[in-house]
Amino acid sequence: MHDIRTIRENPTAFDAALSRRGVDAVSSQLLAIDTERRAAIQAAETAQAEANKAAKEVGAAKAKGDDAEFERLRALVGEKKSDIARLGDEAKALDAKLTDLMIGLPNLPYDDIPDGADEADNVEINRHGAPRNFDFDPVEHFDIPGVKDGMDFETAAKLSGSRFVLLSGSIARLHRALAQFMIDTHVDENGLIETITPVLVREEMMYGTGQLPKFGEDSYQTTNGWWLIPTAEVTLTNIVNGEVVEDHYLPRRYVAHTQCFRSEAGSAGRDTSGMLRQHQFEKVEMVSVTHPDQSDAEHLRMTKCAEGILEKLGLPYRTVVLCTGDMGAGARRTHDIEVWLPGQNQYREISSISTCGDYQARRMNARFKPKEGGKPEFVHTLNGSGLAIGRTLIAVLENGQQADGSVDLPAVLHPYLGGKTRISADGTLS
């Protein structure tokens, strides 16, 4: 959410920044409500002062035996109390109206974010590794002979419908190994705090990180009001919801491996084959809560953490800066990391690392005490996949596939697989 004081100070700049994200000018509407709200608050304060003054004078009139003045002052106190209540209700209603409008607005992009409409306008900033030259035509993950028996979409459809998968045998073990490898790397080498969080959250937590109110259709809600998390960003970021932490607490770096749930409401017809886009999937998520002065450096650090996982796995990737039209609503800057999938002959997103500034913190009222003293300030929050496990599984399988239908596995995973190094063409680990 935005700071109304910033909008008051420079409404033209605010509108210009939002226009880069395709949002029409709204500052005049916001400021009109804000002016009316502040006027109601000021009027209520004036009425309160007048009521207090009259209340003091009531006793004096009574002592003097001035019954007429006594009655006039008593009526005035009652009138002012009524005005105070009415003006307070008006101010609350206007504040709620202003909040409703503000909470639906996206974050302001940094000045250096490229303008653009969609992913075609993203800008590449890094590329690592070269796609492998195959001496046969590589296939997608679900068509690799050694994978087919361990990746069952038909049974999953019987159980749950489309966009689900049942993993078994060597594929299930490889999936588990990837998750463990990612968590170990982030904890032991990157200094993140391993965290196990709920996957069901209260509605206000979804508001805190920006999934609500605008993107509710992308997630699942239970009949008793809980929401299934679309990412552990929701739980990890909301750890500081409503908190005022000490300056030395920052930065706080979390990592969690969780199930994630998304309705994929806006992706009808996209990636319907295989397990690239699922309703239920697992992800290792990173979240950092930082001092405002540290957030830009932390964004680069988190990007390196995610890239490092791919480098250890020997997977080619590229990193792009998302343009204004492709960036998520809560982000000020996003780095997408795209892994090479030879079965599709293209790079596909495997991680988004975003810095949100104080946008989420304002929604959560998450603040810190400056070490030099003064009023508490809003923290900055960042989030990113480190990585999406299912998509990493796809990349490992497709990049490691062999002509005989087997799959060679990255060396860093061998210890997690009991020393096994490949999936044979019959689907067994060997």
Protein backbone atom coordinates (compact mmCIF):
# COMPACT_ATOMS: atom_id res chain seq x y z
CA MET A 1 0.00 0.00 0.00
CA HIS A 2 1.10 3.56 -0.58
CA ASP A 3 1.82 6.45 1.77
CA ILE A 4 -0.81 9.17 1.31
CA ARG A 5 1.74 11.75 2.44
CA THR A 6 3.94 10.89 -0.55
CA ILE A 7 0.98 11.35 -2.87
CA ARG A 8 0.18 14.73 -1.30
CA GLU A 9 3.77 15.89 -1.79
CA ASN A 10 4.04 14.91 -5.46
CA PRO A 11 0.79 13.70 -7.06
CA THR A 12 2.13 14.20 -10.58
CA ALA A 13 5.07 11.84 -9.98
CA PHE A 14 2.75 9.28 -8.37
CA ASP A 15 0.40 9.27 -11.35
CA ALA A 16 3.32 9.11 -13.78
CA ALA A 17 4.76 6.04 -12.02
CA LEU A 18 1.42 4.25 -11.98
CA SER A 19 0.83 5.09 -15.64
CA ARG A 20 3.91 2.99 -16.46
CA ARG A 21 1.92 0.04 -15.11
CA GLY A 22 -1.18 0.89 -17.13
CA VAL A 23 -3.09 2.55 -14.29
CA ASP A 24 -4.98 5.77 -15.01
CA ALA A 25 -4.30 8.87 -12.91
CA VAL A 26 -5.88 8.45 -9.48
CA SER A 27 -4.14 11.02 -7.28
CA SER A 28 -6.89 13.65 -7.62
CA GLN A 29 -9.52 11.14 -6.50
CA LEU A 30 -7.39 9.95 -3.59
CA LEU A 31 -6.50 13.46 -2.47
CA ALA A 32 -10.13 14.62 -2.64
CA ILE A 33 -11.13 11.83 -0.24
CA ASP A 34 -8.08 12.53 1.92
CA THR A 35 -8.96 16.25 2.12
CA GLU A 36 -12.54 15.45 3.12
CA ARG A 37 -11.31 12.92 5.68
CA ARG A 38 -8.85 15.34 7.24
CA ALA A 39 -11.51 18.05 7.36
CA ALA A 40 -13.84 15.69 9.25
CA ILE A 41 -11.08 14.84 11.70
CA GLN A 42 -10.26 18.53 12.22
CA ALA A 43 -13.93 19.38 12.72
CA ALA A 44 -14.27 16.56 15.25
CA GLU A 45 -11.25 17.86 17.16
CA THR A 46 -12.68 21.39 17.16
CA ALA A 47 -16.04 20.10 18.40
CA GLN A 48 -14.27 18.15 21.13
CA ALA A 49 -12.40 21.27 22.28
CA GLU A 50 -15.66 23.26 22.33
CA ALA A 51 -17.39 20.48 24.26
CA ASN A 52 -14.58 20.39 26.81
CA LYS A 53 -14.75 24.15 27.26
CA ALA A 54 -18.53 24.13 27.67
CA ALA A 55 -18.35 21.24 30.14
CA LYS A 56 -16.01 23.29 32.36
CA GLU A 57 -18.34 26.27 32.20
CA VAL A 58 -21.41 24.24 33.17
CA GLY A 59 -20.26 23.96 36.78
CA ALA A 60 -19.58 27.69 37.03
CA ALA A 61 -23.05 28.53 35.73
CA LYS A 62 -24.60 26.12 38.20
CA ALA A 63 -22.63 27.67 41.08
CA LYS A 64 -23.81 31.16 40.10
CA GLY A 65 -27.38 29.99 39.95
CA ASP A 66 -27.64 31.05 36.32
CA ASP A 67 -30.14 28.40 35.26
CA ALA A 68 -30.54 29.71 31.71
CA GLU A 69 -26.80 29.64 31.06
CA PHE A 70 -26.55 26.26 32.74
CA GLU A 71 -29.20 24.79 30.41
CA ARG A 72 -27.66 26.42 27.34
CA LEU A 73 -24.22 25.03 28.12
CA ARG A 74 -25.56 21.57 28.92
CA ALA A 75 -27.43 21.52 25.59
CA LEU A 76 -24.28 22.71 23.83
CA VAL A 77 -22.26 19.86 25.35
CA GLY A 78 -24.87 17.37 24.13
CA GLU A 79 -24.89 18.94 20.66
CA LYS A 80 -21.09 18.83 20.43
CA LYS A 81 -20.99 15.19 21.54
CA SER A 82 -23.45 14.38 18.78
CA ASP A 83 -21.28 16.29 16.27
CA ILE A 84 -18.16 14.46 17.47
CA ALA A 85 -19.80 11.07 16.98
CA ARG A 86 -21.13 12.00 13.53
CA LEU A 87 -17.82 13.47 12.35
CA GLY A 88 -15.92 10.49 13.72
CA ASP A 89 -18.14 8.12 11.76
CA GLU A 90 -17.64 10.24 8.63
CA ALA A 91 -13.86 10.19 9.07
CA LYS A 92 -13.85 6.40 9.57
CA ALA A 93 -15.99 5.86 6.46
CA LEU A 94 -13.76 8.12 4.39
CA ASP A 95 -10.64 6.40 5.75
CA ALA A 96 -12.09 3.01 4.78
CA LYS A 97 -12.94 4.32 1.29
CA LEU A 98 -9.42 5.69 0.87
CA THR A 99 -7.87 2.43 2.08
CA ASP A 100 -10.04 0.37 -0.29
CA LEU A 101 -8.84 2.44 -3.24
CA MET A 102 -5.20 2.45 -2.16
CA ILE A 103 -5.01 -1.26 -1.39
CA GLY A 104 -6.01 -2.13 -4.94
CA LEU A 105 -3.21 -0.13 -6.54
CA PRO A 106 0.05 -1.81 -7.62
CA ASN A 107 3.46 -0.83 -6.31
CA LEU A 108 5.47 1.89 -8.04
CA PRO A 109 8.24 0.56 -10.30
CA TYR A 110 11.77 1.83 -9.82
CA ASP A 111 12.83 4.43 -12.36
CA ASP A 112 15.27 2.03 -14.04
CA ILE A 113 12.66 -0.65 -14.74
CA PRO A 114 12.16 -1.07 -18.50
CA ASP A 115 8.79 -0.03 -19.87
CA GLY A 116 6.88 -2.71 -21.70
CA ALA A 117 3.64 -4.61 -22.14
CA ASP A 118 4.63 -8.23 -21.53
CA GLU A 119 7.48 -10.75 -21.32
CA ALA A 120 8.69 -9.80 -24.79
CA ASP A 121 9.91 -6.50 -23.32
CA ASN A 122 11.93 -8.01 -20.46
CA VAL A 123 15.66 -7.30 -20.50
CA GLU A 124 18.31 -10.00 -20.07
CA ILE A 125 21.02 -9.14 -17.52
CA ASN A 126 22.83 -12.46 -17.08
CA ARG A 127 23.31 -15.77 -18.86
CA HIS A 128 25.07 -18.81 -17.46
CA GLY A 129 25.99 -22.04 -19.21
CA ALA A 130 25.32 -23.12 -22.75
CA PRO A 131 22.50 -25.42 -23.80
CA ARG A 132 23.73 -28.93 -24.43
CA ASN A 133 24.17 -30.15 -28.00
CA PHE A 134 22.16 -33.35 -28.29
CA ASP A 135 22.95 -36.01 -30.89
CA PHE A 136 19.25 -36.92 -30.88
CA ASP A 137 16.01 -34.98 -30.66
CA PRO A 138 15.37 -34.25 -26.96
CA VAL A 139 11.82 -34.74 -25.72
CA GLU A 140 9.79 -33.12 -22.97
CA HIS A 141 10.04 -34.56 -19.46
CA PHE A 142 6.87 -36.63 -19.61
CA ASP A 143 8.00 -38.39 -22.81
CA ILE A 144 11.39 -39.58 -21.51
CA PRO A 145 11.15 -43.41 -21.30
CA GLY A 146 12.82 -43.61 -17.89
CA VAL A 147 10.39 -41.03 -16.50
CA LYS A 148 7.02 -42.22 -17.81
CA ASP A 149 6.28 -44.85 -15.15
CA GLY A 150 7.10 -42.46 -12.31
CA MET A 151 5.02 -39.52 -13.55
CA ASP A 152 1.36 -40.53 -13.69
CA PHE A 153 -1.08 -37.88 -14.89
CA GLU A 154 -4.00 -40.23 -15.59
CA THR A 155 -4.25 -41.53 -12.03
CA ALA A 156 -3.84 -37.99 -10.67
CA ALA A 157 -6.71 -36.86 -12.93
CA LYS A 158 -8.86 -39.68 -11.57
CA LEU A 159 -8.05 -38.59 -8.02
CA SER A 160 -8.21 -34.81 -8.41
CA GLY A 161 -8.80 -33.66 -11.99
CA SER A 162 -6.51 -31.88 -14.43
CA ARG A 163 -3.24 -30.12 -13.50
CA PHE A 164 -2.21 -32.69 -10.91
CA VAL A 165 0.44 -35.38 -11.02
CA LEU A 166 1.24 -38.56 -9.08
CA LEU A 167 4.99 -39.09 -8.68
CA SER A 168 6.38 -42.45 -7.65
CA GLY A 169 9.56 -44.49 -7.47
CA SER A 170 12.74 -42.86 -8.68
CA ILE A 171 10.97 -39.67 -9.78
CA ALA A 172 9.43 -39.15 -6.34
CA ARG A 173 12.81 -39.74 -4.71
CA LEU A 174 14.51 -37.30 -7.09
CA HIS A 175 11.86 -34.69 -6.31
CA ARG A 176 12.49 -35.15 -2.56
CA ALA A 177 16.26 -35.02 -3.10
CA LEU A 178 15.98 -31.69 -4.91
CA ALA A 179 14.01 -30.16 -2.05
CA GLN A 180 16.52 -31.37 0.54
CA PHE A 181 19.46 -30.17 -1.55
CA MET A 182 17.93 -26.70 -1.93
CA ILE A 183 17.15 -26.32 1.77
CA ASP A 184 20.61 -27.55 2.81
CA THR A 185 22.30 -25.13 0.42
CA HIS A 186 20.29 -22.13 1.55
CA VAL A 187 20.79 -22.91 5.23
CA ASP A 188 24.42 -24.09 5.23
CA GLU A 189 25.85 -21.81 2.55
CA ASN A 190 23.47 -18.85 2.23
CA GLY A 191 22.70 -18.33 5.91
CA LEU A 192 18.90 -18.50 5.69
CA ILE A 193 16.76 -19.58 8.64
CA GLU A 194 15.00 -22.87 7.92
CA THR A 195 11.31 -22.49 8.70
CA ILE A 196 8.29 -24.80 8.62
CA THR A 197 5.08 -22.83 8.20
CA PRO A 198 1.35 -23.56 7.95
CA VAL A 199 -0.15 -23.81 4.48
CA LEU A 200 -3.54 -22.53 5.69
CA VAL A 201 -3.70 -18.85 6.63
CA ARG A 202 -6.20 -16.28 7.83
CA GLU A 203 -7.58 -13.84 5.29
CA GLU A 204 -5.67 -10.84 6.66
CA MET A 205 -2.39 -12.60 5.91
CA MET A 206 -3.32 -12.77 2.22
CA TYR A 207 -4.09 -9.03 2.36
CA GLY A 208 -0.74 -8.41 4.01
CA THR A 209 1.30 -9.70 1.09
CA GLY A 210 -1.07 -8.45 -1.62
CA GLN A 211 -2.78 -11.63 -2.81
CA LEU A 212 -6.06 -10.05 -1.73
CA PRO A 213 -8.27 -8.36 -2.63
CA LYS A 214 -7.36 -8.21 -6.31
CA PHE A 215 -6.07 -11.73 -6.94
CA GLY A 216 -8.39 -13.87 -4.87
CA GLU A 217 -9.46 -15.92 -7.89
CA ASP A 218 -5.89 -17.21 -8.23
CA SER A 219 -6.03 -18.96 -4.84
CA TYR A 220 -8.22 -21.42 -2.96
CA GLN A 221 -10.35 -20.61 0.09
CA THR A 222 -11.73 -23.21 2.48
CA THR A 223 -15.33 -23.23 3.68
CA ASN A 224 -14.31 -21.87 7.09
CA GLY A 225 -12.45 -18.87 5.67
CA TRP A 226 -8.86 -20.07 5.64
CA TRP A 227 -6.83 -19.66 2.46
CA LEU A 228 -4.39 -22.21 1.02
CA ILE A 229 -1.10 -20.42 0.43
CA PRO A 230 -0.05 -19.87 -3.20
CA THR A 231 3.53 -19.52 -1.92
CA ALA A 232 5.33 -19.46 1.43
CA GLU A 233 5.92 -15.77 0.76
CA VAL A 234 2.57 -15.31 2.52
CA THR A 235 3.54 -17.05 5.75
CA LEU A 236 7.19 -16.04 5.90
CA THR A 237 6.58 -12.35 5.20
CA ASN A 238 3.69 -12.15 7.65
CA ILE A 239 5.93 -13.32 10.50
CA VAL A 240 6.46 -9.59 11.09
CA ASN A 241 2.82 -8.65 10.58
CA GLY A 242 1.88 -6.07 13.21
CA GLU A 243 5.33 -6.20 14.80
CA VAL A 244 7.80 -3.47 15.73
CA VAL A 245 11.21 -5.17 15.72
CA GLU A 246 14.55 -3.90 16.97
CA ASP A 247 17.02 -2.56 14.40
CA HIS A 248 19.51 -5.35 15.17
CA TYR A 249 16.86 -7.91 14.16
CA LEU A 250 17.39 -6.91 10.51
CA PRO A 251 18.06 -8.37 8.06
CA ARG A 252 15.98 -11.47 8.77
CA ARG A 253 16.35 -14.17 6.12
CA TYR A 254 13.94 -17.10 5.99
CA VAL A 255 13.59 -20.19 3.80
CA ALA A 256 10.79 -22.75 3.76
CA HIS A 257 9.84 -25.82 1.75
CA THR A 258 6.06 -25.99 1.42
CA GLN A 259 3.19 -27.23 -0.63
CA CYS A 260 1.68 -24.40 -2.69
CA PHE A 261 -1.78 -24.14 -4.24
CA ARG A 262 -2.90 -22.02 -7.18
CA SER A 263 -6.11 -22.09 -9.18
CA GLU A 264 -4.28 -20.97 -12.36
CA ALA A 265 -7.45 -19.03 -13.16
CA GLY A 266 -5.78 -16.94 -15.85
CA SER A 267 -3.85 -19.74 -17.56
CA ALA A 268 -6.54 -21.70 -19.39
CA GLY A 269 -4.96 -23.58 -22.27
CA ARG A 270 -1.37 -22.86 -21.19
CA ASP A 271 1.09 -25.67 -20.42
CA THR A 272 -1.61 -28.31 -20.20
CA SER A 273 0.86 -31.14 -20.92
CA GLY A 274 3.26 -32.30 -18.22
CA MET A 275 3.81 -30.80 -14.78
CA LEU A 276 5.01 -27.32 -15.64
CA ARG A 277 1.82 -25.61 -14.43
CA GLN A 278 -0.01 -27.40 -11.60
CA HIS A 279 -2.71 -26.59 -9.06
CA GLN A 280 -0.60 -28.18 -6.30
CA PHE A 281 3.18 -28.03 -6.27
CA GLU A 282 6.16 -27.68 -3.96
CA LYS A 283 8.51 -24.77 -3.71
CA VAL A 284 11.46 -23.64 -1.64
CA GLU A 285 10.77 -19.98 -0.89
CA MET A 286 13.13 -17.30 0.36
CA VAL A 287 11.95 -14.17 2.19
CA SER A 288 14.06 -11.34 3.57
CA VAL A 289 12.93 -8.57 5.92
CA THR A 290 15.42 -5.71 5.81
CA HIS A 291 16.28 -2.17 6.75
CA PRO A 292 15.30 0.16 3.86
CA ASP A 293 18.96 0.95 3.20
CA GLN A 294 19.72 -2.76 2.68
CA SER A 295 16.93 -3.84 0.33
CA ASP A 296 18.66 -3.19 -3.01
CA ALA A 297 21.76 -5.12 -1.97
CA GLU A 298 19.57 -7.87 -0.54
CA HIS A 299 17.76 -8.22 -3.86
CA LEU A 300 21.03 -8.91 -5.63
CA ARG A 301 22.04 -11.33 -2.87
CA MET A 302 18.81 -13.30 -3.16
CA THR A 303 19.14 -13.45 -6.93
CA LYS A 304 22.62 -14.95 -6.51
CA CYS A 305 21.25 -17.50 -4.02
CA ALA A 306 18.69 -18.74 -6.54
CA GLU A 307 21.13 -18.68 -9.45
CA GLY A 308 23.60 -20.66 -7.34
CA ILE A 309 21.20 -23.60 -7.06
CA LEU A 310 21.02 -23.87 -10.85
CA GLU A 311 24.78 -23.55 -11.18
CA LYS A 312 25.34 -26.39 -8.72
CA LEU A 313 22.91 -28.51 -10.73
CA GLY A 314 24.73 -27.65 -13.96
CA LEU A 315 21.62 -26.22 -15.60
CA PRO A 316 21.87 -23.41 -18.18
CA TYR A 317 19.85 -20.34 -17.29
CA ARG A 318 19.38 -16.67 -17.98
CA THR A 319 18.24 -13.85 -15.69
CA VAL A 320 15.99 -11.03 -16.88
CA VAL A 321 14.64 -7.81 -15.39
CA LEU A 322 10.88 -7.78 -15.80
CA CYS A 323 9.35 -4.82 -17.59
CA THR A 324 6.55 -2.76 -16.07
CA GLY A 325 3.84 -4.77 -17.83
CA ASP A 326 5.11 -8.18 -16.71
CA MET A 327 5.96 -7.41 -13.10
CA GLY A 328 3.78 -8.59 -10.20
CA ALA A 329 1.57 -5.99 -8.51
CA GLY A 330 3.54 -5.92 -5.25
CA ALA A 331 7.02 -5.57 -6.73
CA ARG A 332 9.18 -2.53 -7.44
CA ARG A 333 11.79 -4.64 -9.24
CA THR A 334 11.75 -8.32 -10.23
CA HIS A 335 14.46 -10.60 -11.55
CA ASP A 336 13.10 -13.68 -13.31
CA ILE A 337 15.47 -16.62 -13.61
CA GLU A 338 14.69 -18.82 -16.61
CA VAL A 339 16.11 -22.32 -16.97
CA TRP A 340 16.78 -23.95 -20.33
CA LEU A 341 14.34 -26.75 -21.21
CA PRO A 342 15.63 -28.66 -24.25
CA GLY A 343 12.32 -30.50 -24.66
CA GLN A 344 10.65 -27.14 -25.35
CA ASN A 345 13.76 -25.59 -26.89
CA GLN A 346 13.34 -22.45 -24.80
CA TYR A 347 14.04 -20.82 -21.45
CA ARG A 348 11.21 -21.04 -18.90
CA GLU A 349 10.76 -19.22 -15.60
CA ILE A 350 11.92 -21.13 -12.54
CA SER A 351 12.24 -18.28 -10.03
CA SER A 352 11.07 -14.70 -9.53
CA ILE A 353 13.04 -12.60 -7.06
CA SER A 354 11.21 -9.40 -6.10
CA THR A 355 11.88 -6.42 -3.90
CA CYS A 356 8.71 -4.77 -2.62
CA GLY A 357 10.07 -1.78 -0.70
CA ASP A 358 7.63 -0.87 2.09
CA TYR A 359 4.53 -1.79 0.03
CA GLN A 360 3.80 -5.02 1.94
CA ALA A 361 5.05 -3.61 5.25
CA ARG A 362 2.45 -0.84 5.14
CA ARG A 363 -0.29 -3.39 4.53
CA MET A 364 1.02 -5.48 7.45
CA ASN A 365 2.02 -2.54 9.68
CA ALA A 366 5.47 -4.12 10.06
CA ARG A 367 8.03 -1.69 11.45
CA PHE A 368 11.42 -1.43 13.14
CA LYS A 369 12.95 0.87 15.75
CA PRO A 370 15.84 2.89 14.27
CA LYS A 371 18.99 2.42 16.32
CA GLU A 372 19.52 6.19 16.38
CA GLY A 373 16.08 6.62 17.94
CA GLY A 374 12.96 8.30 16.66
CA LYS A 375 9.63 6.98 15.45
CA PRO A 376 9.39 3.37 14.16
CA GLU A 377 9.81 3.04 10.37
CA PHE A 378 8.45 0.48 7.93
CA VAL A 379 10.69 -2.46 7.06
CA HIS A 380 11.34 -3.53 3.47
CA THR A 381 10.39 -7.01 2.28
CA LEU A 382 11.72 -9.25 -0.49
CA ASN A 383 10.74 -12.69 -1.73
CA GLY A 384 11.82 -15.25 -4.29
CA SER A 385 11.79 -18.91 -5.23
CA GLY A 386 14.86 -20.84 -4.39
CA LEU A 387 13.59 -22.80 -6.41
CA ALA A 388 10.28 -24.18 -7.70
CA ILE A 389 10.92 -27.90 -7.12
CA GLY A 390 8.70 -29.31 -9.84
CA ARG A 391 10.16 -27.07 -12.51
CA THR A 392 13.67 -27.89 -11.32
CA LEU A 393 12.78 -31.58 -11.61
CA ILE A 394 11.65 -30.98 -15.19
CA ALA A 395 14.91 -29.18 -16.00
CA VAL A 396 17.08 -31.91 -14.45
CA LEU A 397 15.22 -34.62 -16.38
CA GLU A 398 15.19 -32.84 -19.74
CA ASN A 399 18.80 -31.65 -19.61
CA GLY A 400 20.07 -35.02 -18.40
CA GLN A 401 18.13 -37.24 -20.82
CA GLN A 402 20.09 -39.72 -22.93
CA ALA A 403 19.40 -41.33 -26.30
CA ASP A 404 18.55 -44.70 -24.69
CA GLY A 405 15.78 -43.15 -22.54
CA SER A 406 17.83 -42.94 -19.35
CA VAL A 407 18.67 -39.74 -17.42
CA ASP A 408 22.06 -38.75 -16.03
CA LEU A 409 21.66 -36.88 -12.74
CA PRO A 410 23.70 -33.92 -11.39
CA ALA A 411 26.62 -34.89 -9.16
CA VAL A 412 25.41 -32.69 -6.26
CA LEU A 413 22.32 -34.89 -5.96
CA HIS A 414 24.16 -38.22 -5.76
CA PRO A 415 24.59 -38.09 -1.95
CA TYR A 416 20.85 -37.48 -1.59
CA LEU A 417 20.11 -40.52 -3.75
CA GLY A 418 22.17 -43.06 -1.86
CA GLY A 419 25.05 -42.71 -4.32
CA LYS A 420 22.86 -43.45 -7.36
CA THR A 421 23.82 -41.42 -10.42
CA ARG A 422 21.17 -42.01 -13.05
CA ILE A 423 17.64 -43.09 -13.83
CA SER A 424 17.80 -46.04 -16.19
CA ALA A 425 15.52 -46.44 -19.19
CA ASP A 426 13.30 -48.79 -17.15
CA GLY A 427 12.79 -46.08 -14.51
CA THR A 428 15.00 -47.43 -11.74
CA LEU A 429 17.78 -45.56 -9.95
CA SER A 430 21.20 -47.00 -10.59
